[in-house]
Amino acid sequence: MTCTGCQAKVQQLLSQVNGVQKVAINLQKSEATIAMEKHVPTTALKAALQRYPKYTIEGKEDLQMMHQPAEEAAQKTWLQTYKPILILCAYITGVTLLIQFHQGSFNAMQWMRHFMAGFFLTFSFFKLLNLEGFVESYSSYDIIARKWAGWGYVYAFIELLLGVAFLINFNPVLTNGLTFVVMSLSIIGVLQSVLKKQKIQCACLGTVFNLPMSTVTIVEDGMMIGMSVVMLATLLF
């Protein structure tokens, strides 16, 4: 930001947020110092700037959180970096295959349904452990969450509901259709971040594990999209 007119506009919008007492913007440092009578989450400040989308705001803690995973990953091997997500996927795969083994025959459709139930239930669990932290991280790259911070809250519960829906086999066409739409929208922001080589935190496991955004995230979302397409095609044709 270099224009004093923009400075005044942004300062005015941020000052209108409930709980904000005073806003001072330093053009040279591109920093805003905000005095608050109570804690105001960064999502509320971002929401205030949606009326002037040319600018956005990130807390210093948020920026450190987004960049730290990539810096840590540079000092680790690929296996060390992605160990949490690999163990989780192996755990879900093993449990769902065990169900098929117990039945005495392999039913591909049932296995995919159980796998997707386990995937969504597990991943939503980690997001809900620190929902506000997930929302902050998710809004840094998701195409919808960037414009509406509330989408992060909705998304976490959509994953939970999808997990339950797959588990009880609720309306398979609707469940798989919703999965395809939601995960397709989600993967757009992931692809943009990876292609731009942005060093930010992946929010797939919430804030419990500091995983950097990478092709692993694309594979994870792509796998859910692929399974939902296969199941939809089988159900409809």
C-alpha atoms as a PDB file:
ATOM      1  CA  MET A   1       0.000   0.000   0.000  1.00  0.00           C
ATOM      2  CA  THR A   2       1.438   3.362  -1.028  1.00  0.00           C
ATOM      3  CA  CYS A   3      -1.606   5.642  -1.376  1.00  0.00           C
ATOM      4  CA  THR A   4      -2.758   7.700   1.608  1.00  0.00           C
ATOM      5  CA  GLY A   5      -6.317   7.480   0.293  1.00  0.00           C
ATOM      6  CA  CYS A   6      -6.191   3.684   0.504  1.00  0.00           C
ATOM      7  CA  GLN A   7      -4.592   4.006   3.915  1.00  0.00           C
ATOM      8  CA  ALA A   8      -7.495   6.110   5.177  1.00  0.00           C
ATOM      9  CA  LYS A   9     -10.096   3.758   3.667  1.00  0.00           C
ATOM     10  CA  VAL A  10      -8.554   0.614   5.183  1.00  0.00           C
ATOM     11  CA  GLN A  11      -8.059   2.379   8.521  1.00  0.00           C
ATOM     12  CA  GLN A  12     -11.732   3.392   8.526  1.00  0.00           C
ATOM     13  CA  LEU A  13     -12.961  -0.155   7.743  1.00  0.00           C
ATOM     14  CA  LEU A  14     -10.788  -1.758  10.414  1.00  0.00           C
ATOM     15  CA  SER A  15     -11.815   0.859  12.991  1.00  0.00           C
ATOM     16  CA  GLN A  16     -15.478  -0.149  12.524  1.00  0.00           C
ATOM     17  CA  VAL A  17     -14.824  -3.718  13.730  1.00  0.00           C
ATOM     18  CA  ASN A  18     -16.371  -4.400  17.120  1.00  0.00           C
ATOM     19  CA  GLY A  19     -13.646  -4.398  19.773  1.00  0.00           C
ATOM     20  CA  VAL A  20     -11.131  -2.297  17.792  1.00  0.00           C
ATOM     21  CA  GLN A  21     -10.161   0.949  19.551  1.00  0.00           C
ATOM     22  CA  LYS A  22      -7.489   2.427  17.310  1.00  0.00           C
ATOM     23  CA  VAL A  23      -5.795   1.611  13.979  1.00  0.00           C
ATOM     24  CA  ALA A  24      -2.447   2.987  12.811  1.00  0.00           C
ATOM     25  CA  ILE A  25      -1.106   2.013   9.372  1.00  0.00           C
ATOM     26  CA  ASN A  26       2.579   2.317   8.463  1.00  0.00           C
ATOM     27  CA  LEU A  27       2.836   2.575   4.672  1.00  0.00           C
ATOM     28  CA  GLN A  28       6.609   2.026   4.561  1.00  0.00           C
ATOM     29  CA  LYS A  29       6.463  -1.221   6.543  1.00  0.00           C
ATOM     30  CA  SER A  30       3.055  -2.361   5.206  1.00  0.00           C
ATOM     31  CA  GLU A  31       1.981  -2.902   8.792  1.00  0.00           C
ATOM     32  CA  ALA A  32      -1.133  -2.062  10.764  1.00  0.00           C
ATOM     33  CA  THR A  33      -0.965  -1.656  14.531  1.00  0.00           C
ATOM     34  CA  ILE A  34      -4.390  -2.286  16.043  1.00  0.00           C
ATOM     35  CA  ALA A  35      -5.370  -1.508  19.630  1.00  0.00           C
ATOM     36  CA  MET A  36      -8.243  -3.687  20.892  1.00  0.00           C
ATOM     37  CA  GLU A  37     -10.415  -3.665  23.988  1.00  0.00           C
ATOM     38  CA  LYS A  38     -10.743  -7.458  23.573  1.00  0.00           C
ATOM     39  CA  HIS A  39      -9.184 -10.044  21.273  1.00  0.00           C
ATOM     40  CA  VAL A  40     -10.424  -9.669  17.711  1.00  0.00           C
ATOM     41  CA  PRO A  41      -9.611 -12.664  15.454  1.00  0.00           C
ATOM     42  CA  THR A  42      -7.864 -12.001  12.160  1.00  0.00           C
ATOM     43  CA  THR A  43     -10.883 -13.479  10.355  1.00  0.00           C
ATOM     44  CA  ALA A  44     -13.030 -10.578  11.615  1.00  0.00           C
ATOM     45  CA  LEU A  45     -10.491  -8.046  10.328  1.00  0.00           C
ATOM     46  CA  LYS A  46     -10.343  -9.803   6.958  1.00  0.00           C
ATOM     47  CA  ALA A  47     -14.133  -9.785   6.762  1.00  0.00           C
ATOM     48  CA  ALA A  48     -14.143  -6.017   7.336  1.00  0.00           C
ATOM     49  CA  LEU A  49     -11.817  -5.545   4.358  1.00  0.00           C
ATOM     50  CA  GLN A  50     -14.013  -7.562   2.001  1.00  0.00           C
ATOM     51  CA  ARG A  51     -15.730  -4.310   1.034  1.00  0.00           C
ATOM     52  CA  TYR A  52     -12.322  -3.127  -0.222  1.00  0.00           C
ATOM     53  CA  PRO A  53     -10.862  -6.401  -1.613  1.00  0.00           C
ATOM     54  CA  LYS A  54      -7.738  -4.736  -2.998  1.00  0.00           C
ATOM     55  CA  TYR A  55      -6.161  -5.254   0.427  1.00  0.00           C
ATOM     56  CA  THR A  56      -6.152  -7.954   3.071  1.00  0.00           C
ATOM     57  CA  ILE A  57      -4.483  -8.469   6.440  1.00  0.00           C
ATOM     58  CA  GLU A  58      -2.544 -11.228   8.213  1.00  0.00           C
ATOM     59  CA  GLY A  59      -1.475 -11.376  11.846  1.00  0.00           C
ATOM     60  CA  LYS A  60       2.257 -11.801  12.468  1.00  0.00           C
ATOM     61  CA  GLU A  61       1.539 -15.062  14.259  1.00  0.00           C
ATOM     62  CA  ASP A  62      -0.448 -16.280  11.240  1.00  0.00           C
ATOM     63  CA  LEU A  63       2.383 -15.453   8.838  1.00  0.00           C
ATOM     64  CA  GLN A  64       4.891 -17.259  11.032  1.00  0.00           C
ATOM     65  CA  MET A  65       2.580 -20.265  11.218  1.00  0.00           C
ATOM     66  CA  MET A  66       2.173 -20.340   7.412  1.00  0.00           C
ATOM     67  CA  HIS A  67       5.886 -20.079   6.640  1.00  0.00           C
ATOM     68  CA  GLN A  68       7.299 -22.194   9.451  1.00  0.00           C
ATOM     69  CA  PRO A  69       6.161 -25.585   8.031  1.00  0.00           C
ATOM     70  CA  ALA A  70       8.030 -25.024   4.763  1.00  0.00           C
ATOM     71  CA  GLU A  71      11.171 -23.938   6.608  1.00  0.00           C
ATOM     72  CA  GLU A  72      11.002 -26.993   8.852  1.00  0.00           C
ATOM     73  CA  ALA A  73      10.323 -29.259   5.868  1.00  0.00           C
ATOM     74  CA  ALA A  74      13.520 -28.068   4.197  1.00  0.00           C
ATOM     75  CA  GLN A  75      15.448 -29.583   7.107  1.00  0.00           C
ATOM     76  CA  LYS A  76      13.586 -32.906   6.992  1.00  0.00           C
ATOM     77  CA  THR A  77      13.396 -35.766   4.540  1.00  0.00           C
ATOM     78  CA  TRP A  78      10.202 -36.273   2.552  1.00  0.00           C
ATOM     79  CA  LEU A  79       9.272 -39.255   4.734  1.00  0.00           C
ATOM     80  CA  GLN A  80       9.836 -37.330   7.980  1.00  0.00           C
ATOM     81  CA  THR A  81       7.758 -34.394   6.744  1.00  0.00           C
ATOM     82  CA  TYR A  82       4.724 -36.403   5.670  1.00  0.00           C
ATOM     83  CA  LYS A  83       4.929 -39.171   8.251  1.00  0.00           C
ATOM     84  CA  PRO A  84       1.657 -38.143  10.038  1.00  0.00           C
ATOM     85  CA  ILE A  85      -0.495 -38.198   6.916  1.00  0.00           C
ATOM     86  CA  LEU A  86       1.120 -41.406   5.632  1.00  0.00           C
ATOM     87  CA  ILE A  87       0.434 -43.190   8.933  1.00  0.00           C
ATOM     88  CA  LEU A  88      -3.169 -41.967   8.929  1.00  0.00           C
ATOM     89  CA  CYS A  89      -3.774 -43.148   5.360  1.00  0.00           C
ATOM     90  CA  ALA A  90      -2.128 -46.510   6.107  1.00  0.00           C
ATOM     91  CA  TYR A  91      -4.267 -46.859   9.245  1.00  0.00           C
ATOM     92  CA  ILE A  92      -7.523 -46.126   7.381  1.00  0.00           C
ATOM     93  CA  THR A  93      -6.523 -48.418   4.495  1.00  0.00           C
ATOM     94  CA  GLY A  94      -5.603 -51.246   6.861  1.00  0.00           C
ATOM     95  CA  VAL A  95      -8.822 -51.056   8.878  1.00  0.00           C
ATOM     96  CA  THR A  96     -11.052 -50.923   5.792  1.00  0.00           C
ATOM     97  CA  LEU A  97      -9.206 -53.824   4.143  1.00  0.00           C
ATOM     98  CA  LEU A  98      -9.561 -55.810   7.366  1.00  0.00           C
ATOM     99  CA  ILE A  99     -13.350 -55.425   7.095  1.00  0.00           C
ATOM    100  CA  GLN A 100     -13.232 -56.886   3.582  1.00  0.00           C
ATOM    101  CA  PHE A 101     -11.004 -59.729   4.724  1.00  0.00           C
ATOM    102  CA  HIS A 102     -13.420 -60.571   7.534  1.00  0.00           C
ATOM    103  CA  GLN A 103     -16.276 -60.783   5.017  1.00  0.00           C
ATOM    104  CA  GLY A 104     -14.358 -63.323   2.957  1.00  0.00           C
ATOM    105  CA  SER A 105     -14.581 -61.395  -0.321  1.00  0.00           C
ATOM    106  CA  PHE A 106     -13.520 -58.012  -1.640  1.00  0.00           C
ATOM    107  CA  ASN A 107     -16.293 -55.545  -2.490  1.00  0.00           C
ATOM    108  CA  ALA A 108     -14.639 -52.539  -4.139  1.00  0.00           C
ATOM    109  CA  MET A 109     -17.634 -50.218  -3.739  1.00  0.00           C
ATOM    110  CA  GLN A 110     -18.016 -51.021  -0.060  1.00  0.00           C
ATOM    111  CA  TRP A 111     -14.270 -50.653   0.533  1.00  0.00           C
ATOM    112  CA  MET A 112     -14.224 -47.192  -1.099  1.00  0.00           C
ATOM    113  CA  ARG A 113     -17.254 -46.135   0.942  1.00  0.00           C
ATOM    114  CA  HIS A 114     -15.613 -47.260   4.183  1.00  0.00           C
ATOM    115  CA  PHE A 115     -12.308 -45.637   3.202  1.00  0.00           C
ATOM    116  CA  MET A 116     -13.995 -42.302   2.463  1.00  0.00           C
ATOM    117  CA  ALA A 117     -15.931 -42.513   5.747  1.00  0.00           C
ATOM    118  CA  GLY A 118     -12.689 -43.062   7.650  1.00  0.00           C
ATOM    119  CA  PHE A 119     -10.922 -40.323   5.696  1.00  0.00           C
ATOM    120  CA  PHE A 120     -13.519 -37.623   6.318  1.00  0.00           C
ATOM    121  CA  LEU A 121     -14.152 -38.551   9.955  1.00  0.00           C
ATOM    122  CA  THR A 122     -10.443 -38.580  10.773  1.00  0.00           C
ATOM    123  CA  PHE A 123      -9.540 -35.405   8.908  1.00  0.00           C
ATOM    124  CA  SER A 124     -12.542 -33.480  10.284  1.00  0.00           C
ATOM    125  CA  PHE A 125     -11.527 -34.579  13.808  1.00  0.00           C
ATOM    126  CA  PHE A 126      -8.128 -32.900  13.484  1.00  0.00           C
ATOM    127  CA  LYS A 127      -9.713 -29.744  12.057  1.00  0.00           C
ATOM    128  CA  LEU A 128     -12.198 -29.527  14.934  1.00  0.00           C
ATOM    129  CA  LEU A 129      -9.422 -29.800  17.547  1.00  0.00           C
ATOM    130  CA  ASN A 130      -8.525 -26.180  16.715  1.00  0.00           C
ATOM    131  CA  LEU A 131     -11.320 -24.895  14.490  1.00  0.00           C
ATOM    132  CA  GLU A 132     -10.277 -21.226  14.599  1.00  0.00           C
ATOM    133  CA  GLY A 133      -6.691 -22.140  13.748  1.00  0.00           C
ATOM    134  CA  PHE A 134      -7.888 -24.247  10.812  1.00  0.00           C
ATOM    135  CA  VAL A 135     -10.067 -21.394   9.535  1.00  0.00           C
ATOM    136  CA  GLU A 136      -7.126 -18.968   9.685  1.00  0.00           C
ATOM    137  CA  SER A 137      -4.853 -21.354   7.785  1.00  0.00           C
ATOM    138  CA  TYR A 138      -7.503 -22.418   5.256  1.00  0.00           C
ATOM    139  CA  SER A 139      -8.385 -18.818   4.360  1.00  0.00           C
ATOM    140  CA  SER A 140      -4.798 -18.261   3.200  1.00  0.00           C
ATOM    141  CA  TYR A 141      -5.270 -20.369   0.064  1.00  0.00           C
ATOM    142  CA  ASP A 142      -8.823 -21.683  -0.449  1.00  0.00           C
ATOM    143  CA  ILE A 143     -10.693 -19.774  -3.183  1.00  0.00           C
ATOM    144  CA  ILE A 144     -13.944 -19.543  -1.195  1.00  0.00           C
ATOM    145  CA  ALA A 145     -12.457 -19.053   2.287  1.00  0.00           C
ATOM    146  CA  ARG A 146     -10.406 -16.115   0.975  1.00  0.00           C
ATOM    147  CA  LYS A 147     -13.637 -14.255   0.192  1.00  0.00           C
ATOM    148  CA  TRP A 148     -15.763 -15.593   3.043  1.00  0.00           C
ATOM    149  CA  ALA A 149     -13.961 -16.596   6.229  1.00  0.00           C
ATOM    150  CA  GLY A 150     -17.032 -18.480   7.445  1.00  0.00           C
ATOM    151  CA  TRP A 151     -16.513 -21.115   4.762  1.00  0.00           C
ATOM    152  CA  GLY A 152     -13.713 -22.655   6.827  1.00  0.00           C
ATOM    153  CA  TYR A 153     -16.147 -23.356   9.674  1.00  0.00           C
ATOM    154  CA  VAL A 154     -18.721 -24.785   7.260  1.00  0.00           C
ATOM    155  CA  TYR A 155     -16.128 -26.925   5.459  1.00  0.00           C
ATOM    156  CA  ALA A 156     -14.959 -28.672   8.640  1.00  0.00           C
ATOM    157  CA  PHE A 157     -18.517 -29.744   9.475  1.00  0.00           C
ATOM    158  CA  ILE A 158     -19.239 -30.728   5.864  1.00  0.00           C
ATOM    159  CA  GLU A 159     -16.331 -33.172   6.116  1.00  0.00           C
ATOM    160  CA  LEU A 160     -17.765 -34.530   9.376  1.00  0.00           C
ATOM    161  CA  LEU A 161     -21.229 -34.979   7.840  1.00  0.00           C
ATOM    162  CA  LEU A 162     -19.780 -36.612   4.723  1.00  0.00           C
ATOM    163  CA  GLY A 163     -17.918 -39.075   6.937  1.00  0.00           C
ATOM    164  CA  VAL A 164     -21.139 -40.011   8.735  1.00  0.00           C
ATOM    165  CA  ALA A 165     -23.055 -40.191   5.421  1.00  0.00           C
ATOM    166  CA  PHE A 166     -20.511 -42.612   3.908  1.00  0.00           C
ATOM    167  CA  LEU A 167     -20.473 -44.675   7.101  1.00  0.00           C
ATOM    168  CA  ILE A 168     -24.247 -45.224   7.153  1.00  0.00           C
ATOM    169  CA  ASN A 169     -24.519 -45.303   3.334  1.00  0.00           C
ATOM    170  CA  PHE A 170     -26.908 -42.350   3.280  1.00  0.00           C
ATOM    171  CA  ASN A 171     -28.245 -41.506  -0.211  1.00  0.00           C
ATOM    172  CA  PRO A 172     -25.054 -42.580  -2.067  1.00  0.00           C
ATOM    173  CA  VAL A 173     -25.720 -40.442  -5.153  1.00  0.00           C
ATOM    174  CA  LEU A 174     -26.206 -37.260  -3.112  1.00  0.00           C
ATOM    175  CA  THR A 175     -23.247 -38.026  -0.819  1.00  0.00           C
ATOM    176  CA  ASN A 176     -20.843 -38.743  -3.676  1.00  0.00           C
ATOM    177  CA  GLY A 177     -22.112 -35.790  -5.689  1.00  0.00           C
ATOM    178  CA  LEU A 178     -21.540 -33.411  -2.791  1.00  0.00           C
ATOM    179  CA  THR A 179     -18.093 -34.925  -2.218  1.00  0.00           C
ATOM    180  CA  PHE A 180     -17.154 -34.330  -5.855  1.00  0.00           C
ATOM    181  CA  VAL A 181     -18.290 -30.674  -5.754  1.00  0.00           C
ATOM    182  CA  VAL A 182     -16.711 -29.816  -2.383  1.00  0.00           C
ATOM    183  CA  MET A 183     -13.372 -31.507  -3.065  1.00  0.00           C
ATOM    184  CA  SER A 184     -13.180 -30.075  -6.609  1.00  0.00           C
ATOM    185  CA  LEU A 185     -13.598 -26.564  -5.206  1.00  0.00           C
ATOM    186  CA  SER A 186     -11.035 -27.303  -2.499  1.00  0.00           C
ATOM    187  CA  ILE A 187      -8.384 -28.587  -4.902  1.00  0.00           C
ATOM    188  CA  ILE A 188      -8.428 -25.357  -6.968  1.00  0.00           C
ATOM    189  CA  GLY A 189      -6.802 -23.311  -4.193  1.00  0.00           C
ATOM    190  CA  VAL A 190      -4.340 -26.130  -3.501  1.00  0.00           C
ATOM    191  CA  LEU A 191      -3.297 -26.281  -7.171  1.00  0.00           C
ATOM    192  CA  GLN A 192      -2.857 -22.505  -7.322  1.00  0.00           C
ATOM    193  CA  SER A 193      -0.667 -22.487  -4.212  1.00  0.00           C
ATOM    194  CA  VAL A 194       1.506 -25.403  -5.384  1.00  0.00           C
ATOM    195  CA  LEU A 195       1.936 -23.981  -8.900  1.00  0.00           C
ATOM    196  CA  LYS A 196       2.901 -20.593  -7.452  1.00  0.00           C
ATOM    197  CA  LYS A 197       5.293 -22.409  -5.081  1.00  0.00           C
ATOM    198  CA  GLN A 198       3.830 -20.608  -2.091  1.00  0.00           C
ATOM    199  CA  LYS A 199       5.389 -21.715   1.180  1.00  0.00           C
ATOM    200  CA  ILE A 200       2.303 -22.027   3.352  1.00  0.00           C
ATOM    201  CA  GLN A 201       0.786 -24.519   5.741  1.00  0.00           C
ATOM    202  CA  CYS A 202      -1.604 -27.167   4.468  1.00  0.00           C
ATOM    203  CA  ALA A 203      -4.777 -27.158   6.563  1.00  0.00           C
ATOM    204  CA  CYS A 204      -5.781 -30.753   5.743  1.00  0.00           C
ATOM    205  CA  LEU A 205      -4.955 -31.940   9.281  1.00  0.00           C
ATOM    206  CA  GLY A 206      -5.854 -28.663  10.944  1.00  0.00           C
ATOM    207  CA  THR A 207      -3.071 -27.093  13.008  1.00  0.00           C
ATOM    208  CA  VAL A 208      -2.079 -30.267  14.854  1.00  0.00           C
ATOM    209  CA  PHE A 209       0.576 -31.185  12.275  1.00  0.00           C
ATOM    210  CA  ASN A 210       2.585 -28.546  10.427  1.00  0.00           C
ATOM    211  CA  LEU A 211       2.467 -29.956   6.912  1.00  0.00           C
ATOM    212  CA  PRO A 212       3.623 -27.790   4.001  1.00  0.00           C
ATOM    213  CA  MET A 213       1.396 -27.410   0.966  1.00  0.00           C
ATOM    214  CA  SER A 214       2.630 -29.744  -1.781  1.00  0.00           C
ATOM    215  CA  THR A 215       1.662 -32.339  -4.376  1.00  0.00           C
ATOM    216  CA  VAL A 216       0.760 -34.661  -1.469  1.00  0.00           C
ATOM    217  CA  THR A 217      -2.233 -32.402  -0.772  1.00  0.00           C
ATOM    218  CA  ILE A 218      -3.222 -32.564  -4.447  1.00  0.00           C
ATOM    219  CA  VAL A 219      -3.053 -36.379  -4.377  1.00  0.00           C
ATOM    220  CA  GLU A 220      -5.136 -36.456  -1.192  1.00  0.00           C
ATOM    221  CA  ASP A 221      -7.932 -34.278  -2.655  1.00  0.00           C
ATOM    222  CA  GLY A 222      -7.646 -35.918  -6.070  1.00  0.00           C
ATOM    223  CA  MET A 223      -8.090 -39.360  -4.531  1.00  0.00           C
ATOM    224  CA  MET A 224     -11.391 -38.323  -2.933  1.00  0.00           C
ATOM    225  CA  ILE A 225     -12.569 -36.783  -6.209  1.00  0.00           C
ATOM    226  CA  GLY A 226     -11.578 -39.926  -8.133  1.00  0.00           C
ATOM    227  CA  MET A 227     -13.351 -42.275  -5.726  1.00  0.00           C
ATOM    228  CA  SER A 228     -16.521 -40.178  -5.744  1.00  0.00           C
ATOM    229  CA  VAL A 229     -16.539 -40.201  -9.568  1.00  0.00           C
ATOM    230  CA  VAL A 230     -16.080 -43.987  -9.715  1.00  0.00           C
ATOM    231  CA  MET A 231     -18.867 -44.561  -7.198  1.00  0.00           C
ATOM    232  CA  LEU A 232     -21.207 -42.114  -8.959  1.00  0.00           C
ATOM    233  CA  ALA A 233     -20.551 -43.762 -12.318  1.00  0.00           C
ATOM    234  CA  THR A 234     -21.232 -47.204 -10.832  1.00  0.00           C
ATOM    235  CA  LEU A 235     -24.442 -46.051  -9.164  1.00  0.00           C
ATOM    236  CA  LEU A 236     -25.819 -44.152 -12.166  1.00  0.00           C
ATOM    237  CA  PHE A 237     -24.694 -46.384 -15.022  1.00  0.00           C
END
